[in-house]
């Protein structure tokens, strides 16, 4: 086991959206209370367009922290949007100056892009985990926070869900299924396909997915693209976390006209100007479980891929950490156990 004293030096970076300062200060205090020496990259407190600094400033901050021998962990302040813009810039910096030494990158949501990139290009450890400039970082369950801190330091411990078992939605295995865990946010992971940083072959790997605020039709479209791009080919298993506020959007249409109602009035005023009783649902609402069955579980079943649901990882209510690039095991009983992770090795 590597010395834990060398695993507490953190630089907070902001690869994506503008950072809320009050939440960041609260998160920095909680990190300090947990024994981490956290410094903040200058660009974190900047605002440019939709982001925490220009694309160049954000990419440079990540690269500089990666090359700094006094930094062990890059902890993203928050997600949001914008990390994908940094990939060609990080490529340029890498080609010009070389790859940074291995470190740990922590973040999730939009950071799915950088978790993938830094594993692929720099050989880094990556952890899908909560970020200090979010309110949930300060309110997450103690077991989830404690596991996050221990894994960040490189301390071997059980996952926050240790002792729990999860439901199989498709193809329960008769023998344990082991594989490297990849993935993250569905919409962000999907956006990698068709780019120079595509995940490529995922044969034998375990795909983890979660998402936030996506209507069912959006998720269905994303998964359809993944299927058509070969994004499930050869996968050993699929594990689903939280799909927070991912609900159906069925739309409305006109109810049958009442006697004497003038159609010209309907056409002139439009549905929004009519009383609520003049509208009706276009179709029945589809529950999330049924939507997942249609968009993902059925195609996985056709391919013989085990699908496990319920991991407390994502945008809430669960915020347990999940090392990406680690090896996990899906057991026939429904357990999801950590087998190995290089960040925890000597």
Protein backbone atom coordinates (compact mmCIF):
# COMPACT_ATOMS: atom_id res chain seq x y z
CA UNK A 1 0.00 0.00 0.00
CA UNK A 2 1.30 3.44 -0.87
CA UNK A 3 1.74 5.96 1.90
CA UNK A 4 -1.53 7.71 2.68
CA UNK A 5 0.34 10.94 3.48
CA UNK A 6 1.17 11.25 -0.19
CA UNK A 7 -2.50 10.90 -1.14
CA UNK A 8 -3.89 14.02 0.50
CA UNK A 9 -2.54 16.71 -1.82
CA UNK A 10 -5.48 17.92 -3.89
CA UNK A 11 -5.86 20.55 -6.57
CA UNK A 12 -9.43 21.54 -7.35
CA UNK A 13 -10.06 22.24 -11.03
CA UNK A 14 -13.19 23.21 -12.94
CA UNK A 15 -13.33 21.65 -16.42
CA UNK A 16 -16.95 22.58 -17.08
CA UNK A 17 -19.52 25.12 -15.92
CA UNK A 18 -19.14 28.22 -13.77
CA UNK A 19 -18.58 27.29 -10.12
CA UNK A 20 -20.85 28.48 -7.28
CA UNK A 21 -18.49 30.00 -4.74
CA UNK A 22 -20.44 29.47 -1.50
CA UNK A 23 -20.88 25.75 -2.24
CA UNK A 24 -17.19 25.50 -3.17
CA UNK A 25 -16.07 27.09 0.09
CA UNK A 26 -18.29 24.69 2.05
CA UNK A 27 -16.87 21.72 0.14
CA UNK A 28 -13.29 22.87 0.67
CA UNK A 29 -13.89 23.04 4.40
CA UNK A 30 -15.26 19.50 4.44
CA UNK A 31 -12.21 18.28 2.52
CA UNK A 32 -9.92 20.06 4.98
CA UNK A 33 -11.79 18.55 7.93
CA UNK A 34 -11.21 15.13 6.32
CA UNK A 35 -7.46 15.78 6.23
CA UNK A 36 -6.96 16.85 2.62
CA UNK A 37 -4.69 19.73 1.70
CA UNK A 38 -6.75 21.25 -1.09
CA UNK A 39 -5.64 24.18 -3.20
CA UNK A 40 -7.79 25.76 -5.91
CA UNK A 41 -6.65 26.40 -9.47
CA UNK A 42 -6.97 30.08 -10.42
CA UNK A 43 -9.42 29.38 -13.26
CA UNK A 44 -11.96 27.83 -10.88
CA UNK A 45 -13.15 31.27 -9.80
CA UNK A 46 -13.40 32.61 -13.36
CA UNK A 47 -16.45 32.96 -15.57
CA UNK A 48 -16.33 32.95 -19.35
CA UNK A 49 -19.40 32.30 -21.50
CA UNK A 50 -20.99 29.18 -19.90
CA UNK A 51 -17.80 28.00 -18.27
CA UNK A 52 -15.27 28.45 -15.48
CA UNK A 53 -12.75 30.21 -17.70
CA UNK A 54 -11.93 29.87 -21.38
CA UNK A 55 -11.43 26.47 -22.96
CA UNK A 56 -7.69 27.12 -23.04
CA UNK A 57 -7.55 28.17 -19.38
CA UNK A 58 -9.50 25.11 -18.25
CA UNK A 59 -7.37 22.71 -20.28
CA UNK A 60 -4.15 24.37 -19.08
CA UNK A 61 -5.25 24.15 -15.44
CA UNK A 62 -5.82 20.41 -15.76
CA UNK A 63 -2.56 19.81 -17.56
CA UNK A 64 -0.53 21.98 -15.15
CA UNK A 65 -1.99 20.18 -12.15
CA UNK A 66 -1.20 16.90 -13.83
CA UNK A 67 2.46 17.87 -14.29
CA UNK A 68 2.85 19.29 -10.78
CA UNK A 69 4.78 16.79 -8.62
CA UNK A 70 3.18 18.29 -5.50
CA UNK A 71 -0.33 17.30 -6.60
CA UNK A 72 -1.64 13.74 -6.21
CA UNK A 73 -5.34 14.21 -6.88
CA UNK A 74 -7.26 16.44 -9.29
CA UNK A 75 -10.71 16.90 -7.79
CA UNK A 76 -13.23 18.53 -10.11
CA UNK A 77 -15.25 21.30 -8.47
CA UNK A 78 -18.44 20.35 -10.30
CA UNK A 79 -19.76 19.06 -13.60
CA UNK A 80 -22.21 20.88 -15.84
CA UNK A 81 -21.11 21.29 -19.45
CA UNK A 82 -17.90 21.96 -21.35
CA UNK A 83 -15.39 19.17 -20.69
CA UNK A 84 -15.64 17.78 -24.23
CA UNK A 85 -14.21 21.02 -25.61
CA UNK A 86 -10.95 20.37 -23.79
CA UNK A 87 -9.98 17.07 -25.40
CA UNK A 88 -8.23 18.44 -28.52
CA UNK A 89 -6.47 21.04 -26.36
CA UNK A 90 -5.27 18.36 -23.94
CA UNK A 91 -4.07 16.33 -26.91
CA UNK A 92 -2.04 19.32 -28.12
CA UNK A 93 -0.47 19.86 -24.69
CA UNK A 94 0.34 16.17 -24.41
CA UNK A 95 1.93 16.01 -27.85
CA UNK A 96 4.01 19.11 -27.10
CA UNK A 97 5.09 18.40 -23.53
CA UNK A 98 4.35 14.74 -22.84
CA UNK A 99 1.81 13.00 -20.64
CA UNK A 100 1.60 13.87 -16.93
CA UNK A 101 2.62 11.30 -14.35
CA UNK A 102 -0.22 9.06 -13.09
CA UNK A 103 -2.60 10.71 -10.64
CA UNK A 104 -6.23 10.33 -9.58
CA UNK A 105 -9.04 12.33 -11.19
CA UNK A 106 -12.29 12.60 -9.25
CA UNK A 107 -15.63 13.75 -10.61
CA UNK A 108 -18.74 12.60 -12.42
CA UNK A 109 -21.54 13.77 -14.73
CA UNK A 110 -19.84 15.92 -17.42
CA UNK A 111 -16.51 14.72 -16.00
CA UNK A 112 -17.29 11.32 -17.56
CA UNK A 113 -15.45 12.74 -20.59
CA UNK A 114 -12.25 13.41 -18.63
CA UNK A 115 -12.46 10.20 -16.62
CA UNK A 116 -12.34 8.38 -19.95
CA UNK A 117 -9.67 10.62 -21.50
CA UNK A 118 -7.21 10.52 -18.61
CA UNK A 119 -7.45 6.72 -18.33
CA UNK A 120 -7.09 6.30 -22.09
CA UNK A 121 -4.31 8.83 -22.75
CA UNK A 122 -2.47 9.27 -19.45
CA UNK A 123 -3.04 6.00 -17.61
CA UNK A 124 -4.60 7.77 -14.62
CA UNK A 125 -6.84 6.41 -11.91
CA UNK A 126 -10.36 7.82 -12.05
CA UNK A 127 -13.22 7.81 -9.58
CA UNK A 128 -16.87 8.61 -10.24
CA UNK A 129 -17.56 10.51 -7.02
CA UNK A 130 -19.13 13.65 -5.61
CA UNK A 131 -17.55 17.06 -6.07
CA UNK A 132 -16.94 19.84 -3.53
CA UNK A 133 -18.85 22.67 -5.26
CA UNK A 134 -22.18 20.84 -4.94
CA UNK A 135 -24.58 21.01 -2.01
CA UNK A 136 -24.86 17.21 -2.07
CA UNK A 137 -21.13 16.96 -1.22
CA UNK A 138 -21.88 18.50 2.15
CA UNK A 139 -24.98 16.41 2.83
CA UNK A 140 -24.05 12.97 1.47
CA UNK A 141 -24.41 9.96 3.73
CA UNK A 142 -21.49 9.40 6.09
CA UNK A 143 -20.79 5.93 4.71
CA UNK A 144 -20.56 7.34 1.16
CA UNK A 145 -18.37 10.24 2.23
CA UNK A 146 -16.11 8.00 4.30
CA UNK A 147 -15.57 5.57 1.41
CA UNK A 148 -14.86 8.48 -0.95
CA UNK A 149 -12.19 9.84 1.36
CA UNK A 150 -10.55 6.47 1.97
CA UNK A 151 -10.45 5.50 -1.70
CA UNK A 152 -9.10 8.94 -2.63
CA UNK A 153 -6.19 8.36 -0.22
CA UNK A 154 -5.58 4.91 -1.67
CA UNK A 155 -6.83 3.07 1.40
CA UNK A 156 -8.34 -0.34 0.81
CA UNK A 157 -11.92 -0.53 2.07
CA UNK A 158 -15.24 -2.08 1.13
CA UNK A 159 -17.66 -0.19 -1.16
CA UNK A 160 -20.27 1.98 0.55
CA UNK A 161 -22.93 -0.57 -0.51
CA UNK A 162 -21.07 -3.52 1.04
CA UNK A 163 -23.53 -6.18 2.20
CA UNK A 164 -26.28 -5.09 -0.19
CA UNK A 165 -27.51 -7.11 -3.13
CA UNK A 166 -29.09 -5.73 -6.28
CA UNK A 167 -31.78 -6.85 -8.68
CA UNK A 168 -31.04 -8.39 -12.05
CA UNK A 169 -33.31 -7.06 -14.79
CA UNK A 170 -31.87 -9.44 -17.39
CA UNK A 171 -29.74 -12.59 -17.66
CA UNK A 172 -28.75 -13.32 -14.03
CA UNK A 173 -25.38 -15.07 -14.32
CA UNK A 174 -24.83 -18.60 -13.02
CA UNK A 175 -21.18 -17.76 -12.30
CA UNK A 176 -19.54 -14.51 -11.15
CA UNK A 177 -18.93 -11.98 -13.94
CA UNK A 178 -15.73 -9.96 -13.68
CA UNK A 179 -14.67 -7.01 -15.76
CA UNK A 180 -13.17 -3.53 -15.85
CA UNK A 181 -15.83 -0.94 -15.06
CA UNK A 182 -16.24 1.85 -17.61
CA UNK A 183 -18.96 4.36 -18.47
CA UNK A 184 -20.61 7.00 -16.34
CA UNK A 185 -23.26 9.47 -17.42
CA UNK A 186 -25.17 7.95 -20.38
CA UNK A 187 -25.56 11.15 -22.38
CA UNK A 188 -21.90 12.12 -21.95
CA UNK A 189 -20.55 8.61 -22.62
CA UNK A 190 -22.69 8.43 -25.76
CA UNK A 191 -21.20 11.70 -27.04
CA UNK A 192 -17.75 10.07 -27.26
CA UNK A 193 -18.82 7.75 -30.08
CA UNK A 194 -17.88 9.08 -33.49
CA UNK A 195 -15.02 11.19 -32.07
CA UNK A 196 -11.25 10.51 -31.99
CA UNK A 197 -11.70 9.61 -28.29
CA UNK A 198 -14.32 6.91 -28.82
CA UNK A 199 -14.29 4.17 -26.15
CA UNK A 200 -13.42 1.61 -28.84
CA UNK A 201 -13.69 -2.05 -27.91
CA UNK A 202 -15.49 -2.69 -24.64
CA UNK A 203 -15.44 -6.46 -24.96
CA UNK A 204 -15.34 -8.11 -21.56
CA UNK A 205 -15.98 -4.87 -19.65
CA UNK A 206 -18.79 -3.91 -17.29
CA UNK A 207 -20.71 -0.82 -18.36
CA UNK A 208 -21.97 1.50 -15.63
CA UNK A 209 -24.69 4.02 -16.47
CA UNK A 210 -26.53 6.80 -14.64
CA UNK A 211 -28.11 10.09 -15.70
CA UNK A 212 -30.01 13.20 -14.67
CA UNK A 213 -32.98 15.17 -16.04
CA UNK A 214 -33.33 13.26 -19.29
CA UNK A 215 -36.80 12.44 -20.64
CA UNK A 216 -37.34 8.85 -21.68
CA UNK A 217 -37.35 9.69 -25.37
CA UNK A 218 -33.95 11.34 -24.98
CA UNK A 219 -32.48 8.34 -23.18
CA UNK A 220 -34.02 6.03 -25.74
CA UNK A 221 -32.33 7.98 -28.53
CA UNK A 222 -28.98 7.94 -26.74
CA UNK A 223 -29.09 4.19 -26.14
CA UNK A 224 -30.24 3.61 -29.73
CA UNK A 225 -27.12 5.41 -30.93
CA UNK A 226 -24.94 3.37 -28.58
CA UNK A 227 -26.43 0.14 -29.91
CA UNK A 228 -25.95 1.19 -33.53
CA UNK A 229 -22.39 2.34 -32.80
CA UNK A 230 -21.47 -1.02 -31.26
CA UNK A 231 -21.49 0.38 -27.74
CA UNK A 232 -22.82 -2.86 -26.23
CA UNK A 233 -20.88 -5.32 -28.39
CA UNK A 234 -19.11 -7.89 -26.25
CA UNK A 235 -20.01 -6.24 -22.93
CA UNK A 236 -19.71 -8.61 -19.98
CA UNK A 237 -22.39 -6.88 -17.90
CA UNK A 238 -24.31 -3.66 -17.31
CA UNK A 239 -24.82 -2.02 -13.92
CA UNK A 240 -27.34 0.80 -13.54
CA UNK A 241 -27.13 3.53 -10.92
CA UNK A 242 -29.59 6.34 -10.24
CA UNK A 243 -31.56 7.89 -13.08
CA UNK A 244 -32.52 11.05 -11.23
CA UNK A 245 -35.54 13.00 -12.50
CA UNK A 246 -35.54 10.92 -15.67
CA UNK A 247 -39.27 10.80 -16.32
CA UNK A 248 -41.64 10.49 -19.22
CA UNK A 249 -42.81 13.43 -21.31
CA UNK A 250 -45.93 12.22 -23.08
CA UNK A 251 -47.21 15.56 -24.33
CA UNK A 252 -50.83 16.64 -24.62
CA UNK A 253 -53.39 16.89 -27.37
CA UNK A 254 -56.90 18.27 -27.79
CA UNK A 255 -59.71 16.50 -26.06
CA UNK A 256 -62.84 15.82 -28.09
CA UNK A 257 -64.64 19.12 -28.83
CA UNK A 258 -67.74 19.93 -26.83
CA UNK A 259 -71.01 20.58 -28.59
CA UNK A 260 -71.11 23.95 -30.28
CA UNK A 261 -67.43 24.68 -29.91
CA UNK A 262 -66.02 26.59 -32.83
CA UNK A 263 -62.98 24.93 -34.34
CA UNK A 264 -61.82 28.29 -35.66
CA UNK A 265 -61.39 29.47 -32.07
CA UNK A 266 -59.18 26.46 -31.28
CA UNK A 267 -56.98 27.17 -34.27
CA UNK A 268 -56.74 30.86 -33.48
CA UNK A 269 -56.04 30.67 -29.74
CA UNK A 270 -54.02 27.47 -29.64
CA UNK A 271 -53.98 24.79 -26.97
CA UNK A 272 -52.05 26.86 -24.43
CA UNK A 273 -54.84 29.46 -24.29
CA UNK A 274 -57.57 26.90 -23.61
CA UNK A 275 -58.81 25.67 -20.24
CA UNK A 276 -56.95 22.66 -18.85
CA UNK A 277 -59.95 20.42 -19.35
CA UNK A 278 -59.66 20.90 -23.12
CA UNK A 279 -56.34 19.01 -23.14
CA UNK A 280 -55.68 15.32 -22.64
CA UNK A 281 -52.53 13.17 -22.52
CA UNK A 282 -51.29 12.03 -25.89
CA UNK A 283 -50.59 8.55 -24.46
CA UNK A 284 -50.22 6.85 -21.07
CA UNK A 285 -47.16 7.82 -19.01
CA UNK A 286 -44.42 5.18 -19.13
CA UNK A 287 -42.81 4.33 -15.74
CA UNK A 288 -39.02 4.51 -15.62
CA UNK A 289 -38.65 0.76 -15.13
CA UNK A 290 -40.72 0.05 -18.26
CA UNK A 291 -38.74 2.61 -20.24
CA UNK A 292 -35.45 1.00 -19.21
CA UNK A 293 -36.85 -2.38 -20.23
CA UNK A 294 -37.64 -1.16 -23.74
CA UNK A 295 -34.53 0.96 -24.38
CA UNK A 296 -31.77 -1.06 -22.72
CA UNK A 297 -32.78 -4.23 -20.90
CA UNK A 298 -34.47 -5.97 -23.84
CA UNK A 299 -31.51 -5.37 -26.21
CA UNK A 300 -29.14 -6.57 -23.48
CA UNK A 301 -31.26 -9.69 -22.93
CA UNK A 302 -31.14 -10.43 -26.66
CA UNK A 303 -27.33 -10.30 -26.41
CA UNK A 304 -27.15 -12.38 -23.23
CA UNK A 305 -25.79 -9.48 -21.15
CA UNK A 306 -26.58 -9.45 -17.40
CA UNK A 307 -28.19 -6.17 -16.30
CA UNK A 308 -28.08 -5.21 -12.62
CA UNK A 309 -30.08 -2.28 -11.22
CA UNK A 310 -29.96 -0.26 -8.01
CA UNK A 311 -26.35 0.76 -7.43
CA UNK A 312 -26.48 3.90 -5.19
CA UNK A 313 -24.25 5.90 -7.53
CA UNK A 314 -25.11 8.96 -9.62
CA UNK A 315 -26.89 12.28 -9.17
CA UNK A 316 -28.82 11.12 -6.13
CA UNK A 317 -30.28 9.94 -3.95
CA UNK A 318 -27.14 7.78 -3.91
CA UNK A 319 -23.70 9.41 -4.04
CA UNK A 320 -21.46 6.42 -3.35
CA UNK A 321 -18.10 6.54 -5.15
CA UNK A 322 -17.28 4.11 -7.95
CA UNK A 323 -13.72 3.63 -9.25
CA UNK A 324 -13.72 3.57 -13.05
CA UNK A 325 -11.04 1.44 -14.66
CA UNK A 326 -11.21 -0.88 -11.63
CA UNK A 327 -12.24 -4.54 -11.74
CA UNK A 328 -15.56 -5.47 -10.14
CA UNK A 329 -17.49 -8.70 -9.87
CA UNK A 330 -21.22 -9.23 -10.40
CA UNK A 331 -22.21 -12.31 -8.38
CA UNK A 332 -25.17 -14.62 -9.08
CA UNK A 333 -26.65 -13.48 -5.76
CA UNK A 334 -26.66 -9.83 -6.88
CA UNK A 335 -23.61 -8.50 -5.05
CA UNK A 336 -21.27 -6.03 -6.76
CA UNK A 337 -17.82 -6.42 -5.27
CA UNK A 338 -14.51 -4.62 -5.82
CA UNK A 339 -11.82 -7.06 -6.97
CA UNK A 340 -8.90 -4.74 -7.73
CA UNK A 341 -8.01 -1.16 -8.50
CA UNK A 342 -4.53 0.05 -9.39
CA UNK A 343 -4.89 3.19 -7.27
CA UNK A 344 -5.07 0.97 -4.21
CA UNK A 345 -1.98 -1.03 -5.16
CA UNK A 346 1.61 -0.51 -4.06
